ModelCIF file with pLDDT and N, C-alpha, C, O atoms, coordinates in Angstrom:
data_MODEL
#
_entry.id   MODEL 
#
_entity.id                         1 
_entity.type                       polymer 
_entity.pdbx_number_of_molecules   1 
#
_entity_poly.entity_id                      1 
_entity_poly.type                           'polypeptide(L)' 
_entity_poly.nstd_linkage                   no 
_entity_poly.nstd_monomer                   no 
_entity_poly.pdbx_seq_one_letter_code       GLTAYRQGTALASNSFITWLGEDRYKPLANFILHYIADLDIPV 
_entity_poly.pdbx_seq_one_letter_code_can   GLTAYRQGTALASNSFITWLGEDRYKPLANFILHYIADLDIPV 
_entity_poly.pdbx_strand_id                 A 
#
loop_
_entity_poly_seq.entity_id 
_entity_poly_seq.num 
_entity_poly_seq.mon_id 
_entity_poly_seq.hetero 
1 1  GLY n 
1 2  LEU n 
1 3  THR n 
1 4  ALA n 
1 5  TYR n 
1 6  ARG n 
1 7  GLN n 
1 8  GLY n 
1 9  THR n 
1 10 ALA n 
1 11 LEU n 
1 12 ALA n 
1 13 SER n 
1 14 ASN n 
1 15 SER n 
1 16 PHE n 
1 17 ILE n 
1 18 THR n 
1 19 TRP n 
1 20 LEU n 
1 21 GLY n 
1 22 GLU n 
1 23 ASP n 
1 24 ARG n 
1 25 TYR n 
1 26 LYS n 
1 27 PRO n 
1 28 LEU n 
1 29 ALA n 
1 30 ASN n 
1 31 PHE n 
1 32 ILE n 
1 33 LEU n 
1 34 HIS n 
1 35 TYR n 
1 36 ILE n 
1 37 ALA n 
1 38 ASP n 
1 39 LEU n 
1 40 ASP n 
1 41 ILE n 
1 42 PRO n 
1 43 VAL n 
#
_struct_asym.id          A 
_struct_asym.entity_id   1 
#
loop_
_ma_qa_metric.id 
_ma_qa_metric.mode 
_ma_qa_metric.name 
_ma_qa_metric.software_group_id 
_ma_qa_metric.type 
1 global pLDDT . pLDDT 
2 local  pLDDT . pLDDT 
#
_ma_qa_metric_global.metric_id      1 
_ma_qa_metric_global.metric_value   95.28 
_ma_qa_metric_global.model_id       1 
_ma_qa_metric_global.ordinal_id     1 
#
loop_
_ma_qa_metric_local.label_asym_id 
_ma_qa_metric_local.label_comp_id 
_ma_qa_metric_local.label_seq_id 
_ma_qa_metric_local.metric_id 
_ma_qa_metric_local.metric_value 
_ma_qa_metric_local.model_id 
_ma_qa_metric_local.ordinal_id 
A GLY 1  2 93.00 1 1  
A LEU 2  2 91.00 1 2  
A THR 3  2 92.00 1 3  
A ALA 4  2 95.00 1 4  
A TYR 5  2 97.00 1 5  
A ARG 6  2 97.00 1 6  
A GLN 7  2 95.00 1 7  
A GLY 8  2 94.00 1 8  
A THR 9  2 95.00 1 9  
A ALA 10 2 95.00 1 10 
A LEU 11 2 95.00 1 11 
A ALA 12 2 87.00 1 12 
A SER 13 2 84.00 1 13 
A ASN 14 2 84.00 1 14 
A SER 15 2 90.00 1 15 
A PHE 16 2 94.00 1 16 
A ILE 17 2 95.00 1 17 
A THR 18 2 92.00 1 18 
A TRP 19 2 95.00 1 19 
A LEU 20 2 97.00 1 20 
A GLY 21 2 97.00 1 21 
A GLU 22 2 97.00 1 22 
A ASP 23 2 98.00 1 23 
A ARG 24 2 98.00 1 24 
A TYR 25 2 98.00 1 25 
A LYS 26 2 98.00 1 26 
A PRO 27 2 98.00 1 27 
A LEU 28 2 98.00 1 28 
A ALA 29 2 98.00 1 29 
A ASN 30 2 98.00 1 30 
A PHE 31 2 98.00 1 31 
A ILE 32 2 98.00 1 32 
A LEU 33 2 98.00 1 33 
A HIS 34 2 98.00 1 34 
A TYR 35 2 98.00 1 35 
A ILE 36 2 98.00 1 36 
A ALA 37 2 98.00 1 37 
A ASP 38 2 97.00 1 38 
A LEU 39 2 97.00 1 39 
A ASP 40 2 95.00 1 40 
A ILE 41 2 97.00 1 41 
A PRO 42 2 95.00 1 42 
A VAL 43 2 95.00 1 43 
#
loop_
_atom_site.group_PDB 
_atom_site.id 
_atom_site.type_symbol 
_atom_site.label_atom_id 
_atom_site.label_alt_id 
_atom_site.label_comp_id 
_atom_site.label_asym_id 
_atom_site.label_entity_id 
_atom_site.label_seq_id 
_atom_site.pdbx_PDB_ins_code 
_atom_site.Cartn_x 
_atom_site.Cartn_y 
_atom_site.Cartn_z 
_atom_site.occupancy 
_atom_site.B_iso_or_equiv 
_atom_site.pdbx_formal_charge 
_atom_site.auth_seq_id 
_atom_site.auth_comp_id 
_atom_site.auth_asym_id 
_atom_site.auth_atom_id 
_atom_site.pdbx_PDB_model_num 
ATOM 1   N N  . GLY A 1 1  ? 10.125  3.543   7.663  1.00 93.00 ? 1  GLY A N  1 
ATOM 2   C CA . GLY A 1 1  ? 11.520  2.845   7.748  1.00 93.00 ? 1  GLY A CA 1 
ATOM 3   C C  . GLY A 1 1  ? 11.509  1.515   7.115  1.00 93.00 ? 1  GLY A C  1 
ATOM 4   O O  . GLY A 1 1  ? 12.475  0.832   7.454  1.00 93.00 ? 1  GLY A O  1 
ATOM 5   N N  . LEU A 1 2  ? 10.623  0.901   6.221  1.00 91.00 ? 2  LEU A N  1 
ATOM 6   C CA . LEU A 1 2  ? 10.754  0.043   5.481  1.00 91.00 ? 2  LEU A CA 1 
ATOM 7   C C  . LEU A 1 2  ? 11.736  0.246   4.009  1.00 91.00 ? 2  LEU A C  1 
ATOM 8   O O  . LEU A 1 2  ? 12.070  -0.633  3.214  1.00 91.00 ? 2  LEU A O  1 
ATOM 9   N N  . THR A 1 3  ? 12.002  1.494   3.981  1.00 92.00 ? 3  THR A N  1 
ATOM 10  C CA . THR A 1 3  ? 13.239  1.851   3.100  1.00 92.00 ? 3  THR A CA 1 
ATOM 11  C C  . THR A 1 3  ? 14.100  2.691   4.075  1.00 92.00 ? 3  THR A C  1 
ATOM 12  O O  . THR A 1 3  ? 13.811  3.791   4.546  1.00 92.00 ? 3  THR A O  1 
ATOM 13  N N  . ALA A 1 4  ? 15.445  1.800   4.327  1.00 95.00 ? 4  ALA A N  1 
ATOM 14  C CA . ALA A 1 4  ? 16.052  2.827   5.412  1.00 95.00 ? 4  ALA A CA 1 
ATOM 15  C C  . ALA A 1 4  ? 17.462  2.858   5.168  1.00 95.00 ? 4  ALA A C  1 
ATOM 16  O O  . ALA A 1 4  ? 18.020  2.134   4.344  1.00 95.00 ? 4  ALA A O  1 
ATOM 17  N N  . TYR A 1 5  ? 17.963  3.600   5.802  1.00 97.00 ? 5  TYR A N  1 
ATOM 18  C CA . TYR A 1 5  ? 19.691  4.054   5.288  1.00 97.00 ? 5  TYR A CA 1 
ATOM 19  C C  . TYR A 1 5  ? 20.368  4.616   6.351  1.00 97.00 ? 5  TYR A C  1 
ATOM 20  O O  . TYR A 1 5  ? 19.817  5.571   6.899  1.00 97.00 ? 5  TYR A O  1 
ATOM 21  N N  . ARG A 1 6  ? 21.630  4.175   6.844  1.00 97.00 ? 6  ARG A N  1 
ATOM 22  C CA . ARG A 1 6  ? 22.458  4.884   7.896  1.00 97.00 ? 6  ARG A CA 1 
ATOM 23  C C  . ARG A 1 6  ? 23.465  5.177   7.509  1.00 97.00 ? 6  ARG A C  1 
ATOM 24  O O  . ARG A 1 6  ? 24.241  4.268   7.213  1.00 97.00 ? 6  ARG A O  1 
ATOM 25  N N  . GLN A 1 7  ? 23.819  6.362   7.370  1.00 95.00 ? 7  GLN A N  1 
ATOM 26  C CA . GLN A 1 7  ? 24.871  7.184   6.994  1.00 95.00 ? 7  GLN A CA 1 
ATOM 27  C C  . GLN A 1 7  ? 25.163  7.123   5.353  1.00 95.00 ? 7  GLN A C  1 
ATOM 28  O O  . GLN A 1 7  ? 26.295  7.383   4.946  1.00 95.00 ? 7  GLN A O  1 
ATOM 29  N N  . GLY A 1 8  ? 24.229  6.814   4.544  1.00 94.00 ? 8  GLY A N  1 
ATOM 30  C CA . GLY A 1 8  ? 24.552  6.701   3.301  1.00 94.00 ? 8  GLY A CA 1 
ATOM 31  C C  . GLY A 1 8  ? 24.179  5.063   2.435  1.00 94.00 ? 8  GLY A C  1 
ATOM 32  O O  . GLY A 1 8  ? 23.856  4.744   1.291  1.00 94.00 ? 8  GLY A O  1 
ATOM 33  N N  . THR A 1 9  ? 24.396  4.468   3.496  1.00 95.00 ? 9  THR A N  1 
ATOM 34  C CA . THR A 1 9  ? 24.043  3.015   3.654  1.00 95.00 ? 9  THR A CA 1 
ATOM 35  C C  . THR A 1 9  ? 22.668  2.200   3.694  1.00 95.00 ? 9  THR A C  1 
ATOM 36  O O  . THR A 1 9  ? 22.026  2.193   4.744  1.00 95.00 ? 9  THR A O  1 
ATOM 37  N N  . ALA A 1 10 ? 22.163  1.449   2.463  1.00 95.00 ? 10 ALA A N  1 
ATOM 38  C CA . ALA A 1 10 ? 20.808  0.876   2.530  1.00 95.00 ? 10 ALA A CA 1 
ATOM 39  C C  . ALA A 1 10 ? 21.075  -0.200  3.449  1.00 95.00 ? 10 ALA A C  1 
ATOM 40  O O  . ALA A 1 10 ? 22.017  -0.991  3.480  1.00 95.00 ? 10 ALA A O  1 
ATOM 41  N N  . LEU A 1 11 ? 19.602  -0.024  4.534  1.00 95.00 ? 11 LEU A N  1 
ATOM 42  C CA . LEU A 1 11 ? 19.693  -1.240  5.613  1.00 95.00 ? 11 LEU A CA 1 
ATOM 43  C C  . LEU A 1 11 ? 18.292  -2.148  4.717  1.00 95.00 ? 11 LEU A C  1 
ATOM 44  O O  . LEU A 1 11 ? 17.745  -1.828  3.661  1.00 95.00 ? 11 LEU A O  1 
ATOM 45  N N  . ALA A 1 12 ? 18.068  -3.142  5.465  1.00 87.00 ? 12 ALA A N  1 
ATOM 46  C CA . ALA A 1 12 ? 17.494  -4.285  5.197  1.00 87.00 ? 12 ALA A CA 1 
ATOM 47  C C  . ALA A 1 12 ? 15.759  -3.757  4.711  1.00 87.00 ? 12 ALA A C  1 
ATOM 48  O O  . ALA A 1 12 ? 15.325  -2.810  5.366  1.00 87.00 ? 12 ALA A O  1 
ATOM 49  N N  . SER A 1 13 ? 15.032  -4.212  3.863  1.00 84.00 ? 13 SER A N  1 
ATOM 50  C CA . SER A 1 13 ? 13.757  -3.575  3.249  1.00 84.00 ? 13 SER A CA 1 
ATOM 51  C C  . SER A 1 13 ? 12.767  -4.660  3.438  1.00 84.00 ? 13 SER A C  1 
ATOM 52  O O  . SER A 1 13 ? 12.988  -5.856  3.627  1.00 84.00 ? 13 SER A O  1 
ATOM 53  N N  . ASN A 1 14 ? 11.758  -4.103  3.364  1.00 84.00 ? 14 ASN A N  1 
ATOM 54  C CA . ASN A 1 14 ? 10.500  -5.182  3.240  1.00 84.00 ? 14 ASN A CA 1 
ATOM 55  C C  . ASN A 1 14 ? 9.675   -4.670  2.407  1.00 84.00 ? 14 ASN A C  1 
ATOM 56  O O  . ASN A 1 14 ? 9.849   -3.514  2.020  1.00 84.00 ? 14 ASN A O  1 
ATOM 57  N N  . SER A 1 15 ? 8.438   -5.556  1.894  1.00 90.00 ? 15 SER A N  1 
ATOM 58  C CA . SER A 1 15 ? 7.253   -5.372  0.821  1.00 90.00 ? 15 SER A CA 1 
ATOM 59  C C  . SER A 1 15 ? 6.001   -5.616  1.430  1.00 90.00 ? 15 SER A C  1 
ATOM 60  O O  . SER A 1 15 ? 5.879   -6.619  2.133  1.00 90.00 ? 15 SER A O  1 
ATOM 61  N N  . PHE A 1 16 ? 4.910   -4.722  1.235  1.00 94.00 ? 16 PHE A N  1 
ATOM 62  C CA . PHE A 1 16 ? 3.657   -4.813  1.263  1.00 94.00 ? 16 PHE A CA 1 
ATOM 63  C C  . PHE A 1 16 ? 3.073   -6.070  0.779  1.00 94.00 ? 16 PHE A C  1 
ATOM 64  O O  . PHE A 1 16 ? 2.499   -6.968  1.396  1.00 94.00 ? 16 PHE A O  1 
ATOM 65  N N  . ILE A 1 17 ? 3.343   -5.932  -0.429 1.00 95.00 ? 17 ILE A N  1 
ATOM 66  C CA . ILE A 1 17 ? 2.601   -6.796  -1.409 1.00 95.00 ? 17 ILE A CA 1 
ATOM 67  C C  . ILE A 1 17 ? 3.025   -8.086  -1.248 1.00 95.00 ? 17 ILE A C  1 
ATOM 68  O O  . ILE A 1 17 ? 2.337   -9.021  -1.657 1.00 95.00 ? 17 ILE A O  1 
ATOM 69  N N  . THR A 1 18 ? 4.295   -8.283  -0.587 1.00 92.00 ? 18 THR A N  1 
ATOM 70  C CA . THR A 1 18 ? 4.774   -9.611  -0.376 1.00 92.00 ? 18 THR A CA 1 
ATOM 71  C C  . THR A 1 18 ? 4.024   -10.125 1.051  1.00 92.00 ? 18 THR A C  1 
ATOM 72  O O  . THR A 1 18 ? 3.637   -11.275 1.255  1.00 92.00 ? 18 THR A O  1 
ATOM 73  N N  . TRP A 1 19 ? 3.940   -9.230  1.784  1.00 95.00 ? 19 TRP A N  1 
ATOM 74  C CA . TRP A 1 19 ? 3.510   -9.786  3.029  1.00 95.00 ? 19 TRP A CA 1 
ATOM 75  C C  . TRP A 1 19 ? 1.918   -10.203 3.269  1.00 95.00 ? 19 TRP A C  1 
ATOM 76  O O  . TRP A 1 19 ? 1.426   -11.087 3.971  1.00 95.00 ? 19 TRP A O  1 
ATOM 77  N N  . LEU A 1 20 ? 1.297   -9.179  2.379  1.00 97.00 ? 20 LEU A N  1 
ATOM 78  C CA . LEU A 1 20 ? -0.305  -9.394  1.976  1.00 97.00 ? 20 LEU A CA 1 
ATOM 79  C C  . LEU A 1 20 ? -0.796  -10.150 0.909  1.00 97.00 ? 20 LEU A C  1 
ATOM 80  O O  . LEU A 1 20 ? -1.989  -10.402 1.083  1.00 97.00 ? 20 LEU A O  1 
ATOM 81  N N  . GLY A 1 21 ? -0.325  -10.629 -0.170 1.00 97.00 ? 21 GLY A N  1 
ATOM 82  C CA . GLY A 1 21 ? -0.327  -11.284 -1.166 1.00 97.00 ? 21 GLY A CA 1 
ATOM 83  C C  . GLY A 1 21 ? -1.554  -10.456 -1.982 1.00 97.00 ? 21 GLY A C  1 
ATOM 84  O O  . GLY A 1 21 ? -2.443  -9.699  -1.593 1.00 97.00 ? 21 GLY A O  1 
ATOM 85  N N  . GLU A 1 22 ? -1.127  -11.021 -3.421 1.00 97.00 ? 22 GLU A N  1 
ATOM 86  C CA . GLU A 1 22 ? -2.106  -10.358 -4.400 1.00 97.00 ? 22 GLU A CA 1 
ATOM 87  C C  . GLU A 1 22 ? -3.811  -10.580 -4.570 1.00 97.00 ? 22 GLU A C  1 
ATOM 88  O O  . GLU A 1 22 ? -4.693  -9.812  -4.953 1.00 97.00 ? 22 GLU A O  1 
ATOM 89  N N  . ASP A 1 23 ? -3.837  -12.065 -4.078 1.00 98.00 ? 23 ASP A N  1 
ATOM 90  C CA . ASP A 1 23 ? -5.109  -12.475 -3.777 1.00 98.00 ? 23 ASP A CA 1 
ATOM 91  C C  . ASP A 1 23 ? -6.011  -11.814 -2.485 1.00 98.00 ? 23 ASP A C  1 
ATOM 92  O O  . ASP A 1 23 ? -7.232  -11.660 -2.451 1.00 98.00 ? 23 ASP A O  1 
ATOM 93  N N  . ARG A 1 24 ? -5.196  -11.537 -1.629 1.00 98.00 ? 24 ARG A N  1 
ATOM 94  C CA . ARG A 1 24 ? -5.984  -10.593 -0.441 1.00 98.00 ? 24 ARG A CA 1 
ATOM 95  C C  . ARG A 1 24 ? -5.934  -8.902  -0.795 1.00 98.00 ? 24 ARG A C  1 
ATOM 96  O O  . ARG A 1 24 ? -6.751  -8.188  -0.213 1.00 98.00 ? 24 ARG A O  1 
ATOM 97  N N  . TYR A 1 25 ? -4.966  -8.284  -1.752 1.00 98.00 ? 25 TYR A N  1 
ATOM 98  C CA . TYR A 1 25 ? -5.033  -7.139  -1.884 1.00 98.00 ? 25 TYR A CA 1 
ATOM 99  C C  . TYR A 1 25 ? -6.241  -6.913  -3.204 1.00 98.00 ? 25 TYR A C  1 
ATOM 100 O O  . TYR A 1 25 ? -7.393  -6.512  -3.035 1.00 98.00 ? 25 TYR A O  1 
ATOM 101 N N  . LYS A 1 26 ? -5.875  -7.133  -3.963 1.00 98.00 ? 26 LYS A N  1 
ATOM 102 C CA . LYS A 1 26 ? -7.050  -6.908  -5.143 1.00 98.00 ? 26 LYS A CA 1 
ATOM 103 C C  . LYS A 1 26 ? -8.286  -6.509  -4.400 1.00 98.00 ? 26 LYS A C  1 
ATOM 104 O O  . LYS A 1 26 ? -8.507  -5.298  -4.381 1.00 98.00 ? 26 LYS A O  1 
ATOM 105 N N  . PRO A 1 27 ? -9.238  -7.386  -3.709 1.00 98.00 ? 27 PRO A N  1 
ATOM 106 C CA . PRO A 1 27 ? -10.233 -7.165  -2.777 1.00 98.00 ? 27 PRO A CA 1 
ATOM 107 C C  . PRO A 1 27 ? -10.229 -6.061  -2.203 1.00 98.00 ? 27 PRO A C  1 
ATOM 108 O O  . PRO A 1 27 ? -11.309 -5.472  -2.224 1.00 98.00 ? 27 PRO A O  1 
ATOM 109 N N  . LEU A 1 28 ? -9.112  -5.398  -1.523 1.00 98.00 ? 28 LEU A N  1 
ATOM 110 C CA . LEU A 1 28 ? -9.086  -4.440  -0.728 1.00 98.00 ? 28 LEU A CA 1 
ATOM 111 C C  . LEU A 1 28 ? -9.000  -3.259  -1.691 1.00 98.00 ? 28 LEU A C  1 
ATOM 112 O O  . LEU A 1 28 ? -9.714  -2.289  -1.437 1.00 98.00 ? 28 LEU A O  1 
ATOM 113 N N  . ALA A 1 29 ? -8.273  -3.228  -2.683 1.00 98.00 ? 29 ALA A N  1 
ATOM 114 C CA . ALA A 1 29 ? -8.505  -2.071  -3.573 1.00 98.00 ? 29 ALA A CA 1 
ATOM 115 C C  . ALA A 1 29 ? -9.413  -1.929  -4.392 1.00 98.00 ? 29 ALA A C  1 
ATOM 116 O O  . ALA A 1 29 ? -9.519  -0.766  -4.782 1.00 98.00 ? 29 ALA A O  1 
ATOM 117 N N  . ASN A 1 30 ? -10.261 -2.780  -4.905 1.00 98.00 ? 30 ASN A N  1 
ATOM 118 C CA . ASN A 1 30 ? -11.587 -2.715  -5.262 1.00 98.00 ? 30 ASN A CA 1 
ATOM 119 C C  . ASN A 1 30 ? -12.347 -1.949  -4.277 1.00 98.00 ? 30 ASN A C  1 
ATOM 120 O O  . ASN A 1 30 ? -12.524 -0.746  -4.464 1.00 98.00 ? 30 ASN A O  1 
ATOM 121 N N  . PHE A 1 31 ? -12.785 -2.507  -3.303 1.00 98.00 ? 31 PHE A N  1 
ATOM 122 C CA . PHE A 1 31 ? -13.643 -1.851  -2.398 1.00 98.00 ? 31 PHE A CA 1 
ATOM 123 C C  . PHE A 1 31 ? -12.876 -0.281  -2.026 1.00 98.00 ? 31 PHE A C  1 
ATOM 124 O O  . PHE A 1 31 ? -13.620 0.687   -1.873 1.00 98.00 ? 31 PHE A O  1 
ATOM 125 N N  . ILE A 1 32 ? -11.815 -0.159  -1.934 1.00 98.00 ? 32 ILE A N  1 
ATOM 126 C CA . ILE A 1 32 ? -11.664 1.113   -1.400 1.00 98.00 ? 32 ILE A CA 1 
ATOM 127 C C  . ILE A 1 32 ? -12.063 1.889   -2.838 1.00 98.00 ? 32 ILE A C  1 
ATOM 128 O O  . ILE A 1 32 ? -12.807 2.848   -2.632 1.00 98.00 ? 32 ILE A O  1 
ATOM 129 N N  . LEU A 1 33 ? -11.773 1.704   -4.048 1.00 98.00 ? 33 LEU A N  1 
ATOM 130 C CA . LEU A 1 33 ? -12.160 2.502   -5.495 1.00 98.00 ? 33 LEU A CA 1 
ATOM 131 C C  . LEU A 1 33 ? -13.571 2.454   -5.447 1.00 98.00 ? 33 LEU A C  1 
ATOM 132 O O  . LEU A 1 33 ? -14.130 3.550   -5.413 1.00 98.00 ? 33 LEU A O  1 
ATOM 133 N N  . HIS A 1 34 ? -14.128 1.654   -5.438 1.00 98.00 ? 34 HIS A N  1 
ATOM 134 C CA . HIS A 1 34 ? -15.678 1.683   -5.026 1.00 98.00 ? 34 HIS A CA 1 
ATOM 135 C C  . HIS A 1 34 ? -16.239 2.566   -4.008 1.00 98.00 ? 34 HIS A C  1 
ATOM 136 O O  . HIS A 1 34 ? -17.251 3.197   -4.313 1.00 98.00 ? 34 HIS A O  1 
ATOM 137 N N  . TYR A 1 35 ? -15.809 2.684   -3.020 1.00 98.00 ? 35 TYR A N  1 
ATOM 138 C CA . TYR A 1 35 ? -16.131 3.350   -1.763 1.00 98.00 ? 35 TYR A CA 1 
ATOM 139 C C  . TYR A 1 35 ? -15.952 4.705   -2.197 1.00 98.00 ? 35 TYR A C  1 
ATOM 140 O O  . TYR A 1 35 ? -16.976 5.384   -2.129 1.00 98.00 ? 35 TYR A O  1 
ATOM 141 N N  . ILE A 1 36 ? -14.384 5.578   -2.851 1.00 98.00 ? 36 ILE A N  1 
ATOM 142 C CA . ILE A 1 36 ? -14.387 6.424   -3.239 1.00 98.00 ? 36 ILE A CA 1 
ATOM 143 C C  . ILE A 1 36 ? -15.463 7.060   -4.214 1.00 98.00 ? 36 ILE A C  1 
ATOM 144 O O  . ILE A 1 36 ? -16.120 8.085   -4.033 1.00 98.00 ? 36 ILE A O  1 
ATOM 145 N N  . ALA A 1 37 ? -15.477 6.279   -5.187 1.00 98.00 ? 37 ALA A N  1 
ATOM 146 C CA . ALA A 1 37 ? -16.546 6.488   -6.578 1.00 98.00 ? 37 ALA A CA 1 
ATOM 147 C C  . ALA A 1 37 ? -17.999 6.975   -5.904 1.00 98.00 ? 37 ALA A C  1 
ATOM 148 O O  . ALA A 1 37 ? -18.760 7.676   -6.571 1.00 98.00 ? 37 ALA A O  1 
ATOM 149 N N  . ASP A 1 38 ? -18.332 6.570   -4.569 1.00 97.00 ? 38 ASP A N  1 
ATOM 150 C CA . ASP A 1 38 ? -19.960 6.664   -4.240 1.00 97.00 ? 38 ASP A CA 1 
ATOM 151 C C  . ASP A 1 38 ? -19.681 7.809   -3.266 1.00 97.00 ? 38 ASP A C  1 
ATOM 152 O O  . ASP A 1 38 ? -20.699 8.110   -2.643 1.00 97.00 ? 38 ASP A O  1 
ATOM 153 N N  . LEU A 1 39 ? -18.633 8.520   -2.957 1.00 97.00 ? 39 LEU A N  1 
ATOM 154 C CA . LEU A 1 39 ? -18.340 9.546   -2.008 1.00 97.00 ? 39 LEU A CA 1 
ATOM 155 C C  . LEU A 1 39 ? -18.762 10.834  -2.756 1.00 97.00 ? 39 LEU A C  1 
ATOM 156 O O  . LEU A 1 39 ? -18.536 11.075  -3.942 1.00 97.00 ? 39 LEU A O  1 
ATOM 157 N N  . ASP A 1 40 ? -19.432 11.645  -1.841 1.00 95.00 ? 40 ASP A N  1 
ATOM 158 C CA . ASP A 1 40 ? -19.896 12.924  -2.376 1.00 95.00 ? 40 ASP A CA 1 
ATOM 159 C C  . ASP A 1 40 ? -19.160 13.812  -1.511 1.00 95.00 ? 40 ASP A C  1 
ATOM 160 O O  . ASP A 1 40 ? -19.436 14.093  -0.344 1.00 95.00 ? 40 ASP A O  1 
ATOM 161 N N  . ILE A 1 41 ? -18.179 14.231  -2.219 1.00 97.00 ? 41 ILE A N  1 
ATOM 162 C CA . ILE A 1 41 ? -17.410 15.389  -1.716 1.00 97.00 ? 41 ILE A CA 1 
ATOM 163 C C  . ILE A 1 41 ? -16.952 16.387  -2.708 1.00 97.00 ? 41 ILE A C  1 
ATOM 164 O O  . ILE A 1 41 ? -16.998 15.966  -3.864 1.00 97.00 ? 41 ILE A O  1 
ATOM 165 N N  . PRO A 1 42 ? -16.530 17.577  -2.564 1.00 95.00 ? 42 PRO A N  1 
ATOM 166 C CA . PRO A 1 42 ? -16.543 18.789  -3.326 1.00 95.00 ? 42 PRO A CA 1 
ATOM 167 C C  . PRO A 1 42 ? -15.365 18.973  -4.494 1.00 95.00 ? 42 PRO A C  1 
ATOM 168 O O  . PRO A 1 42 ? -15.476 19.852  -5.349 1.00 95.00 ? 42 PRO A O  1 
ATOM 169 N N  . VAL A 1 43 ? -14.531 18.304  -4.463 1.00 95.00 ? 43 VAL A N  1 
ATOM 170 C CA . VAL A 1 43 ? -13.544 17.903  -5.290 1.00 95.00 ? 43 VAL A CA 1 
ATOM 171 C C  . VAL A 1 43 ? -13.051 16.419  -5.482 1.00 95.00 ? 43 VAL A C  1 
ATOM 172 O O  . VAL A 1 43 ? -12.138 16.168  -6.268 1.00 95.00 ? 43 VAL A O  1 
#
């Protein structure tokens, strides 16, 4: 519902990065990528 339409007309939207901020997002993204890099899964 962050992107929303009512009968073809766009409604108010919002943004994850505006809410969280770049300074807080980067440590989260870095941690996720390191975690996945260390995962031992088949593919």
